[in-house]
Amino acid sequence: MPAADFANKQPYVSLSNGQKIPQIGLGTWKAGPNEVGNAVKAAIEAGYRHIDCAAVYSNEHEVGQAIKECINRGIVKRDELFIVTKLWNTCHARDKVFEACDISLQQLGLDYLDMYLMHFPVPMAYTGPTKPDLKEWIPWDAEKKLVKFEKSPLHETWAAMEELVHKGKTKAIGISNFTIPVLIDLWTFAKILPATNQVECHPYFQASTQNNAARRELRELCKKFGIPVTAYSPLGSGKQGPLQDPTIKAIAAKYKKTPAQILLRWNIQHGNVVIPKSSKAERVKENMSILDFGFSPEDMQQIDELDRGFITCDTREYWHGFALFAV
């Protein structure tokens, strides 16, 4: 599909504030230096208009340079883009929320964000405004065995994010990695509803919790609250992930698509936003070629039944045993 056609025809999802977000975006997690900029340029050239970033990815500056280049070349206008970035855990105190947002805007070279997400509902001790890589963003104790947390209540952090909307720093605010209990808590006091809940979601892990009884209920609760789900890591990861699943491969052969396209289409057909990460131009184009087909109810059911609690982003790996998604 030509870039102009994709940009004009791709589906959008309505947000609680009246905005519309492109349903297919580019993720930039784990995209290294001199890689992420090329990926962003390739995506925008191919017709992508939704770019997902985060302070903790430590690549916002390169993403911003790529966006600027595309705007200067006349490929796209700023108001045609939907740029998302995220508040890191160490910046949950009110003044740090403002500082972190300003730094992200500076790094990206933007006057405003389309959406600003709370990356995790986990307040950690402040480590400074910016860090070169993920490991330095984590505040360890002296023995580097335990993460240091801080007392920044969720309602205070969210109130500060609401102020960012009133100040024009971002058009929308949202959440990421929120489980059912935390989402319900937020719902009780939020004056501005979260525009999305960004969670890991693919056929092997169908929502952000490892409790089998509650996994799909998170998606259902978001739907009830009018909060669209954004699926990160929609392809899973590793040799044991859904890309290698025999059912996925069989359905891919049936529809003459790749396994990756089947996984993305499954999320799209469930109404979720998807943000697959890719650093290769041909893969970027492949990921957007999912609008010319749809699954039968029987095939959707086959894929729905693949759920097995296989998680890619496991906080126990990054935070030494802290299992955020255990409830």
C-alpha atoms as a PDB file:
ATOM      1  CA  MET A   1       0.000   0.000   0.000  1.00  0.00           C
ATOM      2  CA  PRO A   2       1.466   3.422  -0.974  1.00  0.00           C
ATOM      3  CA  ALA A   3       2.423   5.681   1.931  1.00  0.00           C
ATOM      4  CA  ALA A   4      -0.253   8.271   1.176  1.00  0.00           C
ATOM      5  CA  ASP A   5      -2.942   5.586   1.003  1.00  0.00           C
ATOM      6  CA  PHE A   6      -1.877   4.058   4.306  1.00  0.00           C
ATOM      7  CA  ALA A   7      -1.756   7.435   6.048  1.00  0.00           C
ATOM      8  CA  ASN A   8      -5.247   8.275   4.777  1.00  0.00           C
ATOM      9  CA  LYS A   9      -6.908   4.885   5.129  1.00  0.00           C
ATOM     10  CA  GLN A  10      -5.491   3.401   8.304  1.00  0.00           C
ATOM     11  CA  PRO A  11      -8.033   3.021  11.101  1.00  0.00           C
ATOM     12  CA  TYR A  12      -8.201   5.328  14.097  1.00  0.00           C
ATOM     13  CA  VAL A  13      -9.402   4.699  17.635  1.00  0.00           C
ATOM     14  CA  SER A  14     -11.374   7.373  19.501  1.00  0.00           C
ATOM     15  CA  LEU A  15     -10.008   8.526  22.864  1.00  0.00           C
ATOM     16  CA  SER A  16     -11.976   9.753  25.865  1.00  0.00           C
ATOM     17  CA  ASN A  17     -10.994  13.380  25.183  1.00  0.00           C
ATOM     18  CA  GLY A  18     -12.306  13.329  21.615  1.00  0.00           C
ATOM     19  CA  GLN A  19      -8.924  12.824  19.965  1.00  0.00           C
ATOM     20  CA  LYS A  20      -8.334   9.983  17.541  1.00  0.00           C
ATOM     21  CA  ILE A  21      -5.168   7.892  17.656  1.00  0.00           C
ATOM     22  CA  PRO A  22      -3.839   5.976  14.630  1.00  0.00           C
ATOM     23  CA  GLN A  23      -4.442   2.301  15.391  1.00  0.00           C
ATOM     24  CA  ILE A  24      -1.048   1.257  14.012  1.00  0.00           C
ATOM     25  CA  GLY A  25       2.064   2.948  15.390  1.00  0.00           C
ATOM     26  CA  LEU A  26       5.801   2.431  15.674  1.00  0.00           C
ATOM     27  CA  GLY A  27       7.298   1.337  18.979  1.00  0.00           C
ATOM     28  CA  THR A  28      10.821   2.516  19.835  1.00  0.00           C
ATOM     29  CA  TRP A  29      11.627   0.323  22.850  1.00  0.00           C
ATOM     30  CA  LYS A  30      15.016  -1.428  22.593  1.00  0.00           C
ATOM     31  CA  ALA A  31      15.839   0.475  19.414  1.00  0.00           C
ATOM     32  CA  GLY A  32      19.518   1.336  19.707  1.00  0.00           C
ATOM     33  CA  PRO A  33      21.515   4.455  18.747  1.00  0.00           C
ATOM     34  CA  ASN A  34      21.713   5.133  14.999  1.00  0.00           C
ATOM     35  CA  GLU A  35      18.903   2.606  14.576  1.00  0.00           C
ATOM     36  CA  VAL A  36      15.823   4.257  15.981  1.00  0.00           C
ATOM     37  CA  GLY A  37      16.167   7.409  13.871  1.00  0.00           C
ATOM     38  CA  ASN A  38      16.255   5.423  10.644  1.00  0.00           C
ATOM     39  CA  ALA A  39      13.278   3.369  11.813  1.00  0.00           C
ATOM     40  CA  VAL A  40      11.236   6.494  12.568  1.00  0.00           C
ATOM     41  CA  LYS A  41      12.074   8.027   9.186  1.00  0.00           C
ATOM     42  CA  ALA A  42      11.218   4.791   7.377  1.00  0.00           C
ATOM     43  CA  ALA A  43       7.927   4.562   9.265  1.00  0.00           C
ATOM     44  CA  ILE A  44       6.861   8.139   8.531  1.00  0.00           C
ATOM     45  CA  GLU A  45       7.882   7.769   4.884  1.00  0.00           C
ATOM     46  CA  ALA A  46       5.773   4.597   4.712  1.00  0.00           C
ATOM     47  CA  GLY A  47       2.730   6.423   6.080  1.00  0.00           C
ATOM     48  CA  TYR A  48       2.904   5.847   9.836  1.00  0.00           C
ATOM     49  CA  ARG A  49       1.682   8.813  11.862  1.00  0.00           C
ATOM     50  CA  HIS A  50       1.832   7.381  15.406  1.00  0.00           C
ATOM     51  CA  ILE A  51       5.239   7.148  17.137  1.00  0.00           C
ATOM     52  CA  ASP A  52       5.527   5.724  20.659  1.00  0.00           C
ATOM     53  CA  CYS A  53       8.470   6.822  22.830  1.00  0.00           C
ATOM     54  CA  ALA A  54       9.561   6.900  26.479  1.00  0.00           C
ATOM     55  CA  ALA A  55      12.129   8.790  28.512  1.00  0.00           C
ATOM     56  CA  VAL A  56      13.573   5.537  29.838  1.00  0.00           C
ATOM     57  CA  TYR A  57      14.326   4.313  26.304  1.00  0.00           C
ATOM     58  CA  SER A  58      17.040   7.002  26.262  1.00  0.00           C
ATOM     59  CA  ASN A  59      16.511   7.687  22.557  1.00  0.00           C
ATOM     60  CA  GLU A  60      14.009  10.558  22.507  1.00  0.00           C
ATOM     61  CA  HIS A  61      16.575  12.956  21.027  1.00  0.00           C
ATOM     62  CA  GLU A  62      17.232  10.702  18.038  1.00  0.00           C
ATOM     63  CA  VAL A  63      13.500  10.157  17.557  1.00  0.00           C
ATOM     64  CA  GLY A  64      12.997  13.916  17.636  1.00  0.00           C
ATOM     65  CA  GLN A  65      15.725  14.509  15.066  1.00  0.00           C
ATOM     66  CA  ALA A  66      14.065  12.021  12.716  1.00  0.00           C
ATOM     67  CA  ILE A  67      10.672  13.675  13.173  1.00  0.00           C
ATOM     68  CA  LYS A  68      12.196  17.102  12.508  1.00  0.00           C
ATOM     69  CA  GLU A  69      13.883  15.860   9.337  1.00  0.00           C
ATOM     70  CA  CYS A  70      10.623  14.415   8.014  1.00  0.00           C
ATOM     71  CA  ILE A  71       8.773  17.660   8.742  1.00  0.00           C
ATOM     72  CA  ASN A  72      11.509  19.762   7.112  1.00  0.00           C
ATOM     73  CA  ARG A  73      11.432  17.537   4.025  1.00  0.00           C
ATOM     74  CA  GLY A  74       7.711  18.116   3.680  1.00  0.00           C
ATOM     75  CA  ILE A  75       6.798  14.455   4.203  1.00  0.00           C
ATOM     76  CA  VAL A  76       4.478  15.237   7.073  1.00  0.00           C
ATOM     77  CA  LYS A  77       3.169  18.137   9.150  1.00  0.00           C
ATOM     78  CA  ARG A  78       3.385  18.201  12.935  1.00  0.00           C
ATOM     79  CA  ASP A  79      -0.390  18.191  13.343  1.00  0.00           C
ATOM     80  CA  GLU A  80      -0.591  15.011  11.254  1.00  0.00           C
ATOM     81  CA  LEU A  81       1.551  13.123  13.757  1.00  0.00           C
ATOM     82  CA  PHE A  82       0.528  11.504  17.029  1.00  0.00           C
ATOM     83  CA  ILE A  83       3.543  11.476  19.362  1.00  0.00           C
ATOM     84  CA  VAL A  84       3.431   9.593  22.654  1.00  0.00           C
ATOM     85  CA  THR A  85       6.054   9.466  25.385  1.00  0.00           C
ATOM     86  CA  LYS A  86       6.114   8.358  29.004  1.00  0.00           C
ATOM     87  CA  LEU A  87       6.840   9.529  32.536  1.00  0.00           C
ATOM     88  CA  TRP A  88       9.386   7.281  34.235  1.00  0.00           C
ATOM     89  CA  ASN A  89       8.950   5.801  37.728  1.00  0.00           C
ATOM     90  CA  THR A  90      11.579   8.005  39.384  1.00  0.00           C
ATOM     91  CA  CYS A  91       9.707  11.194  38.474  1.00  0.00           C
ATOM     92  CA  HIS A  92       6.342  10.720  40.189  1.00  0.00           C
ATOM     93  CA  ALA A  93       6.678  13.654  42.618  1.00  0.00           C
ATOM     94  CA  ARG A  94       4.690  16.678  41.432  1.00  0.00           C
ATOM     95  CA  ASP A  95       7.658  18.906  40.552  1.00  0.00           C
ATOM     96  CA  LYS A  96       9.459  15.979  38.891  1.00  0.00           C
ATOM     97  CA  VAL A  97       6.440  15.312  36.670  1.00  0.00           C
ATOM     98  CA  PHE A  98       6.733  18.839  35.265  1.00  0.00           C
ATOM     99  CA  GLU A  99      10.512  18.574  34.939  1.00  0.00           C
ATOM    100  CA  ALA A 100      10.327  15.200  33.194  1.00  0.00           C
ATOM    101  CA  CYS A 101       7.719  16.358  30.679  1.00  0.00           C
ATOM    102  CA  ASP A 102       9.720  19.480  29.824  1.00  0.00           C
ATOM    103  CA  ILE A 103      12.860  17.391  29.290  1.00  0.00           C
ATOM    104  CA  SER A 104      11.006  14.974  27.009  1.00  0.00           C
ATOM    105  CA  LEU A 105       9.640  17.883  24.978  1.00  0.00           C
ATOM    106  CA  GLN A 106      13.136  19.332  24.719  1.00  0.00           C
ATOM    107  CA  GLN A 107      14.644  15.982  23.712  1.00  0.00           C
ATOM    108  CA  LEU A 108      11.953  15.412  21.092  1.00  0.00           C
ATOM    109  CA  GLY A 109      12.130  18.997  19.839  1.00  0.00           C
ATOM    110  CA  LEU A 110       8.381  19.461  20.229  1.00  0.00           C
ATOM    111  CA  ASP A 111       6.125  22.175  21.637  1.00  0.00           C
ATOM    112  CA  TYR A 112       3.516  19.694  22.829  1.00  0.00           C
ATOM    113  CA  LEU A 113       2.808  15.975  23.097  1.00  0.00           C
ATOM    114  CA  ASP A 114      -0.254  14.248  21.758  1.00  0.00           C
ATOM    115  CA  MET A 115      -0.267  11.915  24.740  1.00  0.00           C
ATOM    116  CA  TYR A 116       1.819  11.525  27.916  1.00  0.00           C
ATOM    117  CA  LEU A 117       1.642   8.213  29.751  1.00  0.00           C
ATOM    118  CA  MET A 118       2.528   7.155  33.275  1.00  0.00           C
ATOM    119  CA  HIS A 119       4.911   4.322  32.383  1.00  0.00           C
ATOM    120  CA  PHE A 120       4.253   2.231  35.514  1.00  0.00           C
ATOM    121  CA  PRO A 121       2.151   2.860  38.649  1.00  0.00           C
ATOM    122  CA  VAL A 122       5.344   2.347  40.655  1.00  0.00           C
ATOM    123  CA  PRO A 123       6.951   5.419  42.333  1.00  0.00           C
ATOM    124  CA  MET A 124      10.704   4.975  42.736  1.00  0.00           C
ATOM    125  CA  ALA A 125      13.364   7.163  44.339  1.00  0.00           C
ATOM    126  CA  TYR A 126      14.541  10.058  42.178  1.00  0.00           C
ATOM    127  CA  THR A 127      17.753   9.352  40.236  1.00  0.00           C
ATOM    128  CA  GLY A 128      18.124  12.566  38.256  1.00  0.00           C
ATOM    129  CA  PRO A 129      16.457  14.108  35.200  1.00  0.00           C
ATOM    130  CA  THR A 130      18.034  11.938  32.476  1.00  0.00           C
ATOM    131  CA  LYS A 131      20.119   8.780  32.190  1.00  0.00           C
ATOM    132  CA  PRO A 132      21.944   7.186  29.227  1.00  0.00           C
ATOM    133  CA  ASP A 133      20.445   3.705  29.628  1.00  0.00           C
ATOM    134  CA  LEU A 134      17.800   1.704  31.479  1.00  0.00           C
ATOM    135  CA  LYS A 135      20.092   0.307  34.173  1.00  0.00           C
ATOM    136  CA  GLU A 136      20.929   3.799  35.424  1.00  0.00           C
ATOM    137  CA  TRP A 137      17.254   4.730  35.672  1.00  0.00           C
ATOM    138  CA  ILE A 138      16.694   2.106  38.388  1.00  0.00           C
ATOM    139  CA  PRO A 139      17.429   3.324  41.964  1.00  0.00           C
ATOM    140  CA  TRP A 140      19.093   0.399  43.717  1.00  0.00           C
ATOM    141  CA  ASP A 141      20.011   0.128  47.376  1.00  0.00           C
ATOM    142  CA  ALA A 142      23.686   0.110  48.416  1.00  0.00           C
ATOM    143  CA  GLU A 143      24.006  -3.620  47.724  1.00  0.00           C
ATOM    144  CA  LYS A 144      22.113  -3.337  44.420  1.00  0.00           C
ATOM    145  CA  LYS A 145      19.668  -6.009  45.495  1.00  0.00           C
ATOM    146  CA  LEU A 146      16.498  -4.027  46.129  1.00  0.00           C
ATOM    147  CA  VAL A 147      14.809  -1.178  44.292  1.00  0.00           C
ATOM    148  CA  LYS A 148      14.314   1.981  46.357  1.00  0.00           C
ATOM    149  CA  PHE A 149      10.742   3.251  46.288  1.00  0.00           C
ATOM    150  CA  GLU A 150       9.336   6.594  47.409  1.00  0.00           C
ATOM    151  CA  LYS A 151       6.061   7.897  48.778  1.00  0.00           C
ATOM    152  CA  SER A 152       4.457   9.626  45.820  1.00  0.00           C
ATOM    153  CA  PRO A 153       0.736   8.798  45.962  1.00  0.00           C
ATOM    154  CA  LEU A 154      -0.869   7.916  42.666  1.00  0.00           C
ATOM    155  CA  HIS A 155      -3.497  10.637  43.017  1.00  0.00           C
ATOM    156  CA  GLU A 156      -0.805  13.333  43.356  1.00  0.00           C
ATOM    157  CA  THR A 157       1.111  12.120  40.308  1.00  0.00           C
ATOM    158  CA  TRP A 158      -2.070  11.958  38.254  1.00  0.00           C
ATOM    159  CA  ALA A 159      -3.121  15.438  39.382  1.00  0.00           C
ATOM    160  CA  ALA A 160       0.239  16.772  38.175  1.00  0.00           C
ATOM    161  CA  MET A 161      -0.293  15.067  34.819  1.00  0.00           C
ATOM    162  CA  GLU A 162      -3.741  16.649  34.613  1.00  0.00           C
ATOM    163  CA  GLU A 163      -2.047  20.024  35.093  1.00  0.00           C
ATOM    164  CA  LEU A 164       0.124  19.273  32.056  1.00  0.00           C
ATOM    165  CA  VAL A 165      -3.053  19.058  29.973  1.00  0.00           C
ATOM    166  CA  HIS A 166      -4.294  22.402  31.316  1.00  0.00           C
ATOM    167  CA  LYS A 167      -0.897  23.966  30.561  1.00  0.00           C
ATOM    168  CA  GLY A 168      -0.961  22.728  26.958  1.00  0.00           C
ATOM    169  CA  LYS A 169       2.087  20.514  27.384  1.00  0.00           C
ATOM    170  CA  THR A 170       0.127  17.467  26.227  1.00  0.00           C
ATOM    171  CA  LYS A 171      -3.272  16.978  24.640  1.00  0.00           C
ATOM    172  CA  ALA A 172      -4.008  13.743  26.459  1.00  0.00           C
ATOM    173  CA  ILE A 173      -2.714  11.717  29.379  1.00  0.00           C
ATOM    174  CA  GLY A 174      -2.822   7.980  29.825  1.00  0.00           C
ATOM    175  CA  ILE A 175      -1.446   5.020  31.701  1.00  0.00           C
ATOM    176  CA  SER A 176       0.728   2.009  31.034  1.00  0.00           C
ATOM    177  CA  ASN A 177       1.082  -1.330  32.798  1.00  0.00           C
ATOM    178  CA  PHE A 178      -1.913  -0.681  35.066  1.00  0.00           C
ATOM    179  CA  THR A 179      -3.518  -3.802  36.507  1.00  0.00           C
ATOM    180  CA  ILE A 180      -7.172  -4.064  37.523  1.00  0.00           C
ATOM    181  CA  PRO A 181      -6.868  -2.916  41.182  1.00  0.00           C
ATOM    182  CA  VAL A 182      -4.726   0.108  40.300  1.00  0.00           C
ATOM    183  CA  LEU A 183      -6.978   1.059  37.408  1.00  0.00           C
ATOM    184  CA  ILE A 184     -10.045   0.962  39.658  1.00  0.00           C
ATOM    185  CA  ASP A 185      -8.231   3.114  42.230  1.00  0.00           C
ATOM    186  CA  LEU A 186      -7.355   5.699  39.571  1.00  0.00           C
ATOM    187  CA  TRP A 187     -10.939   5.702  38.347  1.00  0.00           C
ATOM    188  CA  THR A 188     -12.185   6.861  41.753  1.00  0.00           C
ATOM    189  CA  PHE A 189     -10.344  10.192  41.704  1.00  0.00           C
ATOM    190  CA  ALA A 190      -9.283  11.036  38.132  1.00  0.00           C
ATOM    191  CA  LYS A 191     -10.715  14.324  36.879  1.00  0.00           C
ATOM    192  CA  ILE A 192      -9.314  13.589  33.419  1.00  0.00           C
ATOM    193  CA  LEU A 193      -9.800   9.972  32.410  1.00  0.00           C
ATOM    194  CA  PRO A 194      -6.781   8.098  31.053  1.00  0.00           C
ATOM    195  CA  ALA A 195      -6.876   8.126  27.261  1.00  0.00           C
ATOM    196  CA  THR A 196      -5.374   4.632  26.983  1.00  0.00           C
ATOM    197  CA  ASN A 197      -3.899   1.804  29.035  1.00  0.00           C
ATOM    198  CA  GLN A 198      -0.770   0.579  27.281  1.00  0.00           C
ATOM    199  CA  VAL A 199      -0.046  -3.034  28.214  1.00  0.00           C
ATOM    200  CA  GLU A 200       1.659  -6.074  26.770  1.00  0.00           C
ATOM    201  CA  CYS A 201      -0.910  -7.896  24.675  1.00  0.00           C
ATOM    202  CA  HIS A 202      -0.519 -10.724  22.166  1.00  0.00           C
ATOM    203  CA  PRO A 203      -2.183 -14.141  21.789  1.00  0.00           C
ATOM    204  CA  TYR A 204       0.150 -15.727  24.345  1.00  0.00           C
ATOM    205  CA  PHE A 205      -0.419 -12.911  26.876  1.00  0.00           C
ATOM    206  CA  GLN A 206      -3.782 -11.310  26.397  1.00  0.00           C
ATOM    207  CA  ALA A 207      -3.617  -8.591  29.059  1.00  0.00           C
ATOM    208  CA  SER A 208      -1.336  -7.217  31.744  1.00  0.00           C
ATOM    209  CA  THR A 209      -1.582  -9.725  34.575  1.00  0.00           C
ATOM    210  CA  GLN A 210      -0.403 -13.268  35.150  1.00  0.00           C
ATOM    211  CA  ASN A 211      -3.541 -14.265  37.036  1.00  0.00           C
ATOM    212  CA  ASN A 212      -5.285 -16.518  34.509  1.00  0.00           C
ATOM    213  CA  ALA A 213      -8.730 -15.642  35.848  1.00  0.00           C
ATOM    214  CA  ALA A 214      -8.152 -11.897  35.429  1.00  0.00           C
ATOM    215  CA  ARG A 215      -6.173 -11.597  32.221  1.00  0.00           C
ATOM    216  CA  ARG A 216      -8.961 -10.872  29.761  1.00  0.00           C
ATOM    217  CA  GLU A 217     -10.960  -9.052  32.412  1.00  0.00           C
ATOM    218  CA  LEU A 218      -8.444  -6.190  32.266  1.00  0.00           C
ATOM    219  CA  ARG A 219      -9.303  -5.585  28.627  1.00  0.00           C
ATOM    220  CA  GLU A 220     -12.996  -5.849  29.450  1.00  0.00           C
ATOM    221  CA  LEU A 221     -12.658  -3.364  32.323  1.00  0.00           C
ATOM    222  CA  CYS A 222     -10.827  -0.885  30.087  1.00  0.00           C
ATOM    223  CA  LYS A 223     -13.632  -1.242  27.561  1.00  0.00           C
ATOM    224  CA  LYS A 224     -16.250  -0.647  30.267  1.00  0.00           C
ATOM    225  CA  PHE A 225     -14.436   2.513  31.387  1.00  0.00           C
ATOM    226  CA  GLY A 226     -14.059   3.714  27.785  1.00  0.00           C
ATOM    227  CA  ILE A 227     -10.267   3.349  27.861  1.00  0.00           C
ATOM    228  CA  PRO A 228      -8.765   1.909  24.654  1.00  0.00           C
ATOM    229  CA  VAL A 229      -5.971  -0.636  25.069  1.00  0.00           C
ATOM    230  CA  THR A 230      -2.639  -0.031  23.357  1.00  0.00           C
ATOM    231  CA  ALA A 231      -0.729  -3.275  22.843  1.00  0.00           C
ATOM    232  CA  TYR A 232       3.041  -3.150  23.203  1.00  0.00           C
ATOM    233  CA  SER A 233       5.167  -6.177  22.267  1.00  0.00           C
ATOM    234  CA  PRO A 234       2.255  -7.328  20.064  1.00  0.00           C
ATOM    235  CA  LEU A 235       4.480  -9.965  18.458  1.00  0.00           C
ATOM    236  CA  GLY A 236       5.708 -11.443  21.720  1.00  0.00           C
ATOM    237  CA  SER A 237       9.384 -12.318  21.781  1.00  0.00           C
ATOM    238  CA  GLY A 238      11.833 -15.177  21.584  1.00  0.00           C
ATOM    239  CA  LYS A 239      11.756 -18.690  20.180  1.00  0.00           C
ATOM    240  CA  GLN A 240       8.887 -19.656  22.487  1.00  0.00           C
ATOM    241  CA  GLY A 241       6.708 -16.727  21.461  1.00  0.00           C
ATOM    242  CA  PRO A 242       3.560 -16.753  19.309  1.00  0.00           C
ATOM    243  CA  LEU A 243       5.467 -16.101  16.070  1.00  0.00           C
ATOM    244  CA  GLN A 244       6.499 -19.764  16.185  1.00  0.00           C
ATOM    245  CA  ASP A 245       3.082 -21.132  17.119  1.00  0.00           C
ATOM    246  CA  PRO A 246       1.770 -23.834  14.723  1.00  0.00           C
ATOM    247  CA  THR A 247      -1.759 -22.404  14.809  1.00  0.00           C
ATOM    248  CA  ILE A 248      -0.485 -18.924  13.935  1.00  0.00           C
ATOM    249  CA  LYS A 249       1.609 -20.347  11.092  1.00  0.00           C
ATOM    250  CA  ALA A 250      -1.339 -22.321   9.733  1.00  0.00           C
ATOM    251  CA  ILE A 251      -3.618 -19.278   9.795  1.00  0.00           C
ATOM    252  CA  ALA A 252      -0.862 -17.211   8.146  1.00  0.00           C
ATOM    253  CA  ALA A 253      -0.676 -19.738   5.308  1.00  0.00           C
ATOM    254  CA  LYS A 254      -4.471 -19.690   4.947  1.00  0.00           C
ATOM    255  CA  TYR A 255      -4.595 -15.893   4.567  1.00  0.00           C
ATOM    256  CA  LYS A 256      -1.299 -15.670   2.652  1.00  0.00           C
ATOM    257  CA  LYS A 257       0.194 -13.426   5.331  1.00  0.00           C
ATOM    258  CA  THR A 258       3.209 -13.626   7.636  1.00  0.00           C
ATOM    259  CA  PRO A 259       2.862 -14.773  11.264  1.00  0.00           C
ATOM    260  CA  ALA A 260       3.672 -11.204  12.355  1.00  0.00           C
ATOM    261  CA  GLN A 261       0.806  -9.842  10.275  1.00  0.00           C
ATOM    262  CA  ILE A 262      -1.550 -12.408  11.806  1.00  0.00           C
ATOM    263  CA  LEU A 263      -0.567 -11.350  15.338  1.00  0.00           C
ATOM    264  CA  LEU A 264      -1.030  -7.666  14.561  1.00  0.00           C
ATOM    265  CA  ARG A 265      -4.340  -8.239  12.821  1.00  0.00           C
ATOM    266  CA  TRP A 266      -5.613 -10.167  15.868  1.00  0.00           C
ATOM    267  CA  ASN A 267      -5.038  -7.118  18.108  1.00  0.00           C
ATOM    268  CA  ILE A 268      -6.520  -4.767  15.513  1.00  0.00           C
ATOM    269  CA  GLN A 269      -9.629  -6.932  15.192  1.00  0.00           C
ATOM    270  CA  HIS A 270     -10.046  -6.798  18.973  1.00  0.00           C
ATOM    271  CA  GLY A 271     -10.055  -2.996  18.704  1.00  0.00           C
ATOM    272  CA  ASN A 272      -6.626  -2.496  20.265  1.00  0.00           C
ATOM    273  CA  VAL A 273      -3.981  -0.020  19.132  1.00  0.00           C
ATOM    274  CA  VAL A 274      -0.692  -1.747  18.195  1.00  0.00           C
ATOM    275  CA  ILE A 275       2.859  -0.376  18.344  1.00  0.00           C
ATOM    276  CA  PRO A 276       5.218  -3.015  16.907  1.00  0.00           C
ATOM    277  CA  LYS A 277       8.898  -2.125  17.022  1.00  0.00           C
ATOM    278  CA  SER A 278      11.030  -2.612  13.928  1.00  0.00           C
ATOM    279  CA  SER A 279      14.321  -1.156  12.744  1.00  0.00           C
ATOM    280  CA  LYS A 280      14.075  -2.478   9.161  1.00  0.00           C
ATOM    281  CA  ALA A 281      12.224  -0.550   6.463  1.00  0.00           C
ATOM    282  CA  GLU A 282      10.848  -3.706   4.851  1.00  0.00           C
ATOM    283  CA  ARG A 283       9.493  -4.933   8.187  1.00  0.00           C
ATOM    284  CA  VAL A 284       7.916  -1.541   8.865  1.00  0.00           C
ATOM    285  CA  LYS A 285       6.046  -1.841   5.565  1.00  0.00           C
ATOM    286  CA  GLU A 286       5.107  -5.462   6.275  1.00  0.00           C
ATOM    287  CA  ASN A 287       3.600  -4.494   9.618  1.00  0.00           C
ATOM    288  CA  MET A 288       1.239  -2.007   8.015  1.00  0.00           C
ATOM    289  CA  SER A 289      -0.080  -4.469   5.414  1.00  0.00           C
ATOM    290  CA  ILE A 290      -2.818  -5.795   7.687  1.00  0.00           C
ATOM    291  CA  LEU A 291      -5.815  -3.780   6.566  1.00  0.00           C
ATOM    292  CA  ASP A 292      -6.778  -5.821   3.497  1.00  0.00           C
ATOM    293  CA  PHE A 293      -8.097  -8.883   5.306  1.00  0.00           C
ATOM    294  CA  GLY A 294      -9.981  -9.994   8.396  1.00  0.00           C
ATOM    295  CA  PHE A 295     -10.399 -13.216  10.344  1.00  0.00           C
ATOM    296  CA  SER A 296     -13.466 -15.397  10.402  1.00  0.00           C
ATOM    297  CA  PRO A 297     -15.036 -15.828  13.868  1.00  0.00           C
ATOM    298  CA  GLU A 298     -13.672 -19.371  13.930  1.00  0.00           C
ATOM    299  CA  ASP A 299     -10.106 -18.231  13.293  1.00  0.00           C
ATOM    300  CA  MET A 300     -10.393 -15.477  15.902  1.00  0.00           C
ATOM    301  CA  GLN A 301     -11.531 -18.067  18.420  1.00  0.00           C
ATOM    302  CA  GLN A 302      -8.584 -20.305  17.556  1.00  0.00           C
ATOM    303  CA  ILE A 303      -6.178 -17.456  18.268  1.00  0.00           C
ATOM    304  CA  ASP A 304      -8.040 -16.401  21.425  1.00  0.00           C
ATOM    305  CA  GLU A 305      -7.549 -19.901  22.803  1.00  0.00           C
ATOM    306  CA  LEU A 306      -3.735 -19.631  22.587  1.00  0.00           C
ATOM    307  CA  ASP A 307      -3.473 -17.555  25.786  1.00  0.00           C
ATOM    308  CA  ARG A 308      -0.859 -19.059  28.110  1.00  0.00           C
ATOM    309  CA  GLY A 309       0.529 -16.273  30.310  1.00  0.00           C
ATOM    310  CA  PHE A 310       3.749 -15.925  28.305  1.00  0.00           C
ATOM    311  CA  ILE A 311       5.103 -12.493  29.228  1.00  0.00           C
ATOM    312  CA  THR A 312       7.858 -10.607  27.414  1.00  0.00           C
ATOM    313  CA  CYS A 313       8.206  -7.568  29.686  1.00  0.00           C
ATOM    314  CA  ASP A 314       8.663  -9.263  33.056  1.00  0.00           C
ATOM    315  CA  THR A 315       9.461  -6.751  35.798  1.00  0.00           C
ATOM    316  CA  ARG A 316      10.998  -9.545  37.869  1.00  0.00           C
ATOM    317  CA  GLU A 317      13.859  -9.550  35.383  1.00  0.00           C
ATOM    318  CA  TYR A 318      14.449  -5.792  35.523  1.00  0.00           C
ATOM    319  CA  TRP A 319      13.639  -5.119  39.179  1.00  0.00           C
ATOM    320  CA  HIS A 320      15.085  -8.202  40.876  1.00  0.00           C
ATOM    321  CA  GLY A 321      11.960 -10.175  41.688  1.00  0.00           C
ATOM    322  CA  PHE A 322       9.347  -7.384  41.848  1.00  0.00           C
ATOM    323  CA  ALA A 323       6.356  -8.986  40.091  1.00  0.00           C
ATOM    324  CA  LEU A 324       4.111  -6.088  39.070  1.00  0.00           C
ATOM    325  CA  PHE A 325       1.818  -8.291  36.999  1.00  0.00           C
ATOM    326  CA  ALA A 326       1.128 -10.914  39.655  1.00  0.00           C
ATOM    327  CA  VAL A 327      -2.292  -9.446  40.468  1.00  0.00           C
END
